[in-house]
Amino acid sequence: MDEIPERVESSVITIGVFDGVHRGHQELISAAVRKARATGQQSVLITFDPHPVSVFLPERAPLALSSFDQRMSVVEKMGIDNVMVIDFTVEMAGWSPQEYVDRLLVNKLHASHVIIGENFTFGKDAVGTPEIMRQLCAARGIGVDVVQLLHDKTLADGEILVCSTAVRKYLMAGNVAAARRALGRPFSVYGPIVRGAGRGGKELGFPTANQYFPENLALPADGVYAGWLVVEGSNSPVNGNMVPGVAYAAAISVGTNPTFGDDERSVESFVLDREADLYGYGATVYFVDRIRSMEKYDSLDALLEAISRDVCSVREVLAQDLEMRDSSVIDHDSVAGEFFLQRALQGGSRD
């Protein structure tokens, strides 16, 4: 995947913010890739940074589901040839639909075909619709395919539209399992690991990898989650017995640590069965399921009992995460060793 060259002779284009690159976005991208390959052309994805709403209505800008780099990482795996990142400005927000088509699709990209979703809008005040796009492009010899919105009956009671707004709603409720179904992969965040208050290891015996994120990035609701932590880096061990690129089972706390009166919201991951000094490394945290809400405890003993229960629950949840367990990047020994041992002692089996 490359940035768009100065001139593209002929291309199949898909356009959008693609925040989170959920399953609906993936339908659009896949359609563009298939069309381009079938016709021997270049596939081009046009995206915007920052989010257009943040330019002309900053107070209504939605929380981002992914960083720009996360978006591009998912897009790259889908086979898009080129990406054009548009620095969305007030000037561009004032383009008419005709200017949008002429300046971007015709003059810059020499589009032969455009693939958009049925809720796509463009131009000043978002007056451009898929039908207007069809009309403008037809007059310029450009084909247009409109992909229907994706609905999923498994996300909640009834049929739910797969969209970025729905994913944000699930995260606000702590329903990371539903967010995963809408995204087609576990919701994740990436950031550097920094030093926290030091209580996890010294006072509690549960050392954590602490991460802080910008306020405009969506996070799951405060609580404790089962998930995975993957450290970025080369294949050499990380100051201990963890290897970069391998997913390790983790109990993940999101919130402000009310027991200790902290104010700043953070993501703290206790990696099961592993010890390593991760400070200064970057890591991706994948959320699988919520264990419980965030609570304030009256004593350290009560907190320690809760954490111990959380760790047991995390093992059970991740032992059932078949999709991730089948992945070659999972550290299977840390995932469920104790859980499977307990089952064996109770007469169960590992299969």
Foldseek 3Di string as FASTA:
>chain_A
DEADDQEFQEAEEEEEQCQLVWPQVLVQLLVRQVVCVVVVGAYEYEHEPPDQCCAVPVVPDAFGLADPVVSVVVSVVSPHRHYYYDHDHPVQLAFAPLCCCCVPVCPGYVYQEYEYEQQDFGHHVSPRGLVNVCVSQVVVNHYYHYDYFDWDCPLDPGIHTLDPVVLLVCQAVQNQQSNCNRRVHFRKYKDAFADDPPCCCPPQNQAWGKDADDPSHRGHAFAKFKWWKAWDDDQDDAQFPDGHLATFIWIWGWQQQVQVPGDGTIIIIRGFPTDHDRHPIMMMIGTNHGDTHDDHDPDSVVVSVVVVVSVLVSLVRQLPVVVVVPDPRYPVCRRHVVVQVVQVVVVHHSD
